């Protein structure tokens, strides 16, 4: 026996859905939007990082390692740049007279790179 497929045995196709456009006035859209969406906070800009080099006497440079060790013993691991930035912050907090005394105690050195031997 041969079976014939009839049109009834074939699954009916679903009709295509036609998108329906809704007519909404722009004044209604503005009334529905919450105020928080209208006032977005500005994105904070990142602080630019500057790379620089400097020259200092070796005995003062070794002080950075001493400060890093003291901070580590206090439970605060720090980087060399953080030590220098903390020093700058401390200098800014000084009065002009204190700053003058701190700078007067520094040894004057030549700027630039030291000569290679």
N, C-alpha and C. Protein backbone atom coordinates (compact mmCIF):
# COMPACT_ATOMS: atom_id res chain seq x y z
N UNK A 1 0.81 -1.17 0.00
CA UNK A 1 0.00 0.00 0.00
C UNK A 1 0.85 1.23 0.00
N UNK A 2 0.49 2.08 -0.83
CA UNK A 2 1.18 3.36 -0.93
C UNK A 2 0.32 4.42 -0.28
N UNK A 3 0.99 5.23 0.49
CA UNK A 3 0.25 6.31 1.12
C UNK A 3 0.53 7.60 0.38
N UNK A 4 -0.50 8.28 0.15
CA UNK A 4 -0.35 9.58 -0.50
C UNK A 4 -0.50 10.68 0.54
N UNK A 5 0.33 11.68 0.36
CA UNK A 5 0.23 12.82 1.26
C UNK A 5 -0.87 13.71 0.77
N UNK A 6 -1.73 14.01 1.64
CA UNK A 6 -2.81 14.91 1.26
C UNK A 6 -2.48 16.30 1.76
N UNK A 7 -3.18 17.25 1.26
CA UNK A 7 -2.95 18.63 1.67
C UNK A 7 -3.28 18.83 3.13
N UNK A 8 -4.14 18.03 3.66
CA UNK A 8 -4.54 18.17 5.06
C UNK A 8 -3.42 17.71 5.99
N UNK A 9 -2.57 16.77 5.52
CA UNK A 9 -1.51 16.27 6.38
C UNK A 9 -0.32 17.21 6.44
N UNK A 10 -0.21 18.15 5.55
CA UNK A 10 0.89 19.12 5.56
C UNK A 10 0.53 20.22 6.55
N UNK A 11 1.51 20.56 7.38
CA UNK A 11 1.27 21.59 8.40
C UNK A 11 0.98 22.92 7.73
N UNK A 12 -0.03 23.59 8.20
CA UNK A 12 -0.36 24.88 7.59
C UNK A 12 0.70 25.91 7.94
N UNK A 13 1.00 26.79 7.03
CA UNK A 13 1.99 27.85 7.29
C UNK A 13 1.32 28.99 8.01
N UNK A 14 2.08 29.60 8.91
CA UNK A 14 1.52 30.73 9.65
C UNK A 14 1.67 31.99 8.82
N UNK A 15 0.70 32.85 8.85
CA UNK A 15 0.80 34.08 8.07
C UNK A 15 1.87 34.99 8.67
N UNK A 16 2.54 35.75 7.81
CA UNK A 16 3.57 36.67 8.27
C UNK A 16 2.95 37.80 9.05
N UNK A 17 3.62 38.15 10.14
CA UNK A 17 3.11 39.25 10.95
C UNK A 17 3.63 40.56 10.37
N UNK A 18 2.75 41.47 10.22
CA UNK A 18 3.10 42.77 9.69
C UNK A 18 3.26 43.71 10.88
N UNK A 19 4.40 44.39 11.00
CA UNK A 19 4.57 45.29 12.14
C UNK A 19 3.59 46.46 12.07
N UNK A 20 3.06 46.79 13.22
CA UNK A 20 2.10 47.88 13.32
C UNK A 20 2.80 49.06 13.98
N UNK A 21 2.78 50.18 13.31
CA UNK A 21 3.41 51.38 13.86
C UNK A 21 2.41 52.11 14.72
N UNK A 22 2.89 52.50 15.88
CA UNK A 22 2.02 53.25 16.78
C UNK A 22 2.29 54.73 16.58
N UNK A 23 1.25 55.48 16.54
CA UNK A 23 1.39 56.92 16.40
C UNK A 23 1.37 57.53 17.79
N UNK A 24 2.53 57.95 18.25
CA UNK A 24 2.64 58.55 19.58
C UNK A 24 3.23 59.94 19.40
N UNK A 25 2.60 60.86 20.03
CA UNK A 25 3.08 62.23 19.89
C UNK A 25 4.37 62.42 20.68
N UNK A 26 5.23 63.29 20.22
CA UNK A 26 6.52 63.52 20.88
C UNK A 26 6.33 64.17 22.25
N UNK A 27 5.23 64.88 22.43
CA UNK A 27 4.99 65.49 23.75
C UNK A 27 4.67 64.43 24.78
N UNK A 28 4.02 63.36 24.36
CA UNK A 28 3.75 62.27 25.29
C UNK A 28 5.05 61.55 25.66
N UNK A 29 5.96 61.39 24.69
CA UNK A 29 7.24 60.75 24.96
C UNK A 29 8.02 61.54 26.00
N UNK A 30 8.01 62.85 25.88
CA UNK A 30 8.75 63.69 26.82
C UNK A 30 8.13 63.62 28.21
N UNK A 31 6.82 63.49 28.28
CA UNK A 31 6.15 63.43 29.57
C UNK A 31 6.39 62.08 30.26
N UNK A 32 6.62 61.03 29.49
CA UNK A 32 6.80 59.70 30.06
C UNK A 32 8.23 59.50 30.57
N UNK A 33 9.24 60.16 29.97
CA UNK A 33 10.63 59.97 30.35
C UNK A 33 10.88 60.48 31.76
N UNK A 34 11.57 59.71 32.58
CA UNK A 34 11.89 60.20 33.92
C UNK A 34 12.95 61.29 33.85
N UNK A 35 12.99 62.12 34.88
CA UNK A 35 13.94 63.24 34.89
C UNK A 35 15.38 62.76 34.99
N UNK A 36 15.59 61.64 35.65
CA UNK A 36 16.96 61.14 35.81
C UNK A 36 17.58 60.78 34.47
N UNK A 37 16.77 60.33 33.53
CA UNK A 37 17.29 60.00 32.22
C UNK A 37 17.65 61.26 31.45
N UNK A 38 16.95 62.35 31.72
CA UNK A 38 17.22 63.60 31.03
C UNK A 38 18.50 64.24 31.54
N UNK A 39 18.79 64.08 32.82
CA UNK A 39 19.99 64.68 33.41
C UNK A 39 20.99 63.59 33.75
N UNK A 40 21.84 63.25 32.79
CA UNK A 40 22.85 62.22 33.03
C UNK A 40 24.07 62.88 33.68
N UNK A 41 24.64 62.26 34.71
CA UNK A 41 25.84 62.84 35.30
C UNK A 41 27.00 62.75 34.32
N UNK A 42 27.84 63.79 34.33
CA UNK A 42 28.98 63.80 33.42
C UNK A 42 30.00 62.75 33.87
N UNK A 43 30.60 62.11 32.90
CA UNK A 43 31.60 61.09 33.17
C UNK A 43 32.88 61.78 33.65
N UNK A 44 33.42 61.28 34.77
CA UNK A 44 34.63 61.88 35.30
C UNK A 44 35.79 61.57 34.38
N UNK A 45 36.58 62.61 34.07
CA UNK A 45 37.72 62.40 33.21
C UNK A 45 38.88 61.85 34.03
N UNK A 46 39.66 60.99 33.43
CA UNK A 46 40.80 60.40 34.11
C UNK A 46 41.93 61.42 34.21
N UNK A 47 42.66 61.34 35.31
CA UNK A 47 43.79 62.24 35.50
C UNK A 47 44.93 61.74 34.63
N UNK A 48 45.51 62.64 33.88
CA UNK A 48 46.61 62.27 33.00
C UNK A 48 47.84 61.96 33.84
N UNK A 49 48.53 60.89 33.52
CA UNK A 49 49.73 60.48 34.23
C UNK A 49 50.94 60.94 33.43
N UNK A 50 51.90 61.56 34.11
CA UNK A 50 53.09 62.10 33.47
C UNK A 50 54.30 61.29 33.90
N UNK A 51 55.13 60.92 32.95
CA UNK A 51 56.35 60.20 33.26
C UNK A 51 57.50 61.19 33.18
N UNK A 52 58.37 61.16 34.17
CA UNK A 52 59.47 62.12 34.24
C UNK A 52 60.68 61.43 34.85
N UNK A 53 61.83 62.05 34.69
CA UNK A 53 63.04 61.53 35.32
C UNK A 53 63.71 62.68 36.06
N UNK A 54 64.50 62.34 37.05
CA UNK A 54 65.17 63.35 37.86
C UNK A 54 66.47 62.78 38.41
N UNK A 55 67.28 63.67 38.94
CA UNK A 55 68.56 63.28 39.50
C UNK A 55 68.57 63.65 40.97
N UNK A 56 69.10 62.75 41.81
CA UNK A 56 69.23 63.05 43.24
C UNK A 56 70.45 62.30 43.78
N UNK A 57 71.00 62.80 44.86
CA UNK A 57 72.14 62.11 45.46
C UNK A 57 71.74 60.70 45.93
N UNK A 58 72.70 59.78 45.88
CA UNK A 58 72.41 58.39 46.21
C UNK A 58 71.93 58.23 47.64
N UNK A 59 72.50 58.98 48.59
CA UNK A 59 72.07 58.84 49.99
C UNK A 59 70.61 59.25 50.17
N UNK A 60 70.12 60.22 49.40
CA UNK A 60 68.71 60.61 49.47
C UNK A 60 67.83 59.59 48.75
N UNK A 61 68.35 59.02 47.68
CA UNK A 61 67.61 58.01 46.94
C UNK A 61 67.39 56.77 47.81
N UNK A 62 68.39 56.43 48.62
CA UNK A 62 68.27 55.28 49.52
C UNK A 62 67.22 55.52 50.60
N UNK A 63 66.92 56.78 50.89
CA UNK A 63 65.88 57.11 51.88
C UNK A 63 64.52 56.61 51.40
N UNK A 64 64.32 56.57 50.09
CA UNK A 64 63.05 56.07 49.54
C UNK A 64 62.86 54.62 49.95
N UNK A 65 63.93 53.82 49.84
CA UNK A 65 63.85 52.40 50.23
C UNK A 65 63.59 52.27 51.72
N UNK A 66 64.19 53.17 52.52
CA UNK A 66 63.95 53.13 53.97
C UNK A 66 62.49 53.45 54.30
N UNK A 67 61.93 54.41 53.61
CA UNK A 67 60.53 54.79 53.84
C UNK A 67 59.60 53.66 53.39
N UNK A 68 59.94 53.02 52.26
CA UNK A 68 59.13 51.89 51.79
C UNK A 68 59.16 50.76 52.81
N UNK A 69 60.32 50.49 53.41
CA UNK A 69 60.44 49.44 54.42
C UNK A 69 59.64 49.79 55.66
N UNK A 70 59.71 51.06 56.09
CA UNK A 70 58.94 51.49 57.27
C UNK A 70 57.44 51.37 57.01
N UNK A 71 57.01 51.71 55.82
CA UNK A 71 55.59 51.59 55.47
C UNK A 71 55.17 50.12 55.44
N UNK A 72 56.04 49.26 54.95
CA UNK A 72 55.75 47.83 54.91
C UNK A 72 55.61 47.26 56.32
N UNK A 73 56.46 47.70 57.24
CA UNK A 73 56.36 47.26 58.63
C UNK A 73 55.07 47.77 59.28
N UNK A 74 54.58 48.91 58.79
CA UNK A 74 53.32 49.46 59.30
C UNK A 74 52.12 48.78 58.64
N UNK A 75 52.41 47.87 57.71
CA UNK A 75 51.31 47.14 57.06
C UNK A 75 50.78 47.79 55.81
N UNK A 76 51.54 48.76 55.27
CA UNK A 76 51.09 49.47 54.07
C UNK A 76 52.18 49.35 53.00
N UNK A 77 52.06 48.37 52.09
CA UNK A 77 53.06 48.29 51.02
C UNK A 77 52.87 49.45 50.04
N UNK A 78 53.97 50.14 49.72
CA UNK A 78 53.89 51.30 48.82
C UNK A 78 54.93 51.17 47.72
N UNK A 79 54.69 51.91 46.66
CA UNK A 79 55.62 51.98 45.54
C UNK A 79 56.45 53.25 45.68
N UNK A 80 57.55 53.29 44.95
CA UNK A 80 58.43 54.45 45.00
C UNK A 80 57.68 55.73 44.62
N UNK A 81 56.86 55.65 43.59
CA UNK A 81 56.13 56.84 43.15
C UNK A 81 55.15 57.31 44.22
N UNK A 82 54.58 56.37 44.98
CA UNK A 82 53.66 56.75 46.05
C UNK A 82 54.39 57.47 47.18
N UNK A 83 55.63 57.03 47.45
CA UNK A 83 56.44 57.71 48.48
C UNK A 83 56.72 59.15 48.04
N UNK A 84 57.10 59.32 46.79
CA UNK A 84 57.40 60.67 46.28
C UNK A 84 56.15 61.55 46.26
N UNK A 85 55.02 60.97 45.87
CA UNK A 85 53.78 61.75 45.85
C UNK A 85 53.35 62.15 47.25
N UNK A 86 53.57 61.25 48.25
CA UNK A 86 53.24 61.59 49.63
C UNK A 86 54.14 62.72 50.13
N UNK A 87 55.40 62.68 49.71
CA UNK A 87 56.33 63.75 50.07
C UNK A 87 55.89 65.09 49.49
N UNK A 88 55.42 65.08 48.25
CA UNK A 88 54.92 66.31 47.64
C UNK A 88 53.70 66.84 48.39
N UNK A 89 52.84 65.92 48.78
CA UNK A 89 51.64 66.32 49.52
C UNK A 89 52.02 66.96 50.85
N UNK A 90 53.05 66.42 51.50
CA UNK A 90 53.51 66.98 52.77
C UNK A 90 54.14 68.36 52.56
N UNK A 91 54.88 68.54 51.46
CA UNK A 91 55.48 69.85 51.17
C UNK A 91 54.42 70.91 50.89
N UNK A 92 53.37 70.53 50.20
CA UNK A 92 52.29 71.47 49.88
C UNK A 92 51.59 71.92 51.16
N UNK A 93 51.50 71.05 52.14
CA UNK A 93 50.81 71.38 53.39
C UNK A 93 51.62 72.30 54.30
N UNK A 94 52.91 72.49 53.99
CA UNK A 94 53.78 73.34 54.83
C UNK A 94 53.51 74.82 54.62
N UNK A 95 53.82 75.59 55.65
CA UNK A 95 53.76 77.04 55.52
C UNK A 95 54.96 77.48 54.67
N UNK A 96 54.92 78.69 54.13
CA UNK A 96 56.06 79.15 53.33
C UNK A 96 57.39 79.13 54.11
N UNK A 97 57.36 79.45 55.40
CA UNK A 97 58.59 79.44 56.20
C UNK A 97 59.11 78.01 56.37
N UNK A 98 58.21 77.05 56.62
CA UNK A 98 58.62 75.65 56.76
C UNK A 98 59.18 75.12 55.44
N UNK A 99 58.55 75.48 54.35
CA UNK A 99 59.00 75.04 53.04
C UNK A 99 60.39 75.60 52.74
N UNK A 100 60.61 76.87 53.10
CA UNK A 100 61.91 77.51 52.86
C UNK A 100 63.00 76.78 53.64
N UNK A 101 62.73 76.41 54.90
CA UNK A 101 63.72 75.68 55.71
C UNK A 101 64.00 74.31 55.13
N UNK A 102 62.97 73.61 54.66
CA UNK A 102 63.15 72.28 54.10
C UNK A 102 63.99 72.33 52.83
N UNK A 103 63.73 73.30 51.98
CA UNK A 103 64.47 73.43 50.72
C UNK A 103 65.89 73.93 50.94
N UNK A 104 66.09 74.75 51.98
CA UNK A 104 67.43 75.27 52.28
C UNK A 104 68.37 74.15 52.73
N UNK A 105 67.84 73.11 53.31
CA UNK A 105 68.65 72.00 53.79
C UNK A 105 69.08 71.03 52.69
N UNK A 106 68.64 71.22 51.46
CA UNK A 106 69.00 70.33 50.36
C UNK A 106 70.34 70.72 49.75
N UNK A 107 71.09 69.70 49.36
CA UNK A 107 72.36 69.91 48.67
C UNK A 107 72.06 70.28 47.22
N UNK A 108 72.75 71.28 46.70
CA UNK A 108 72.57 71.67 45.29
C UNK A 108 73.34 70.70 44.41
N UNK A 109 72.68 70.17 43.38
CA UNK A 109 73.32 69.24 42.46
C UNK A 109 73.12 69.71 41.03
N UNK A 110 73.99 69.23 40.15
CA UNK A 110 73.86 69.57 38.73
C UNK A 110 72.67 68.82 38.16
N UNK A 111 71.95 69.48 37.28
CA UNK A 111 70.82 68.81 36.63
C UNK A 111 71.34 68.00 35.45
N UNK A 112 70.55 67.07 35.01
CA UNK A 112 70.92 66.24 33.87
C UNK A 112 71.41 64.88 34.32
N UNK A 113 71.83 64.11 33.35
CA UNK A 113 72.30 62.74 33.62
C UNK A 113 73.75 62.77 34.07
N UNK A 114 74.11 61.92 35.04
CA UNK A 114 75.51 61.85 35.43
C UNK A 114 76.36 61.21 34.34
N UNK A 115 77.64 61.55 34.30
CA UNK A 115 78.54 61.00 33.27
C UNK A 115 78.78 59.51 33.55
N UNK A 116 78.88 58.76 32.46
CA UNK A 116 79.17 57.32 32.58
C UNK A 116 80.68 57.16 32.68
N UNK A 117 81.12 56.24 33.49
CA UNK A 117 82.57 56.00 33.65
C UNK A 117 82.99 54.79 32.90
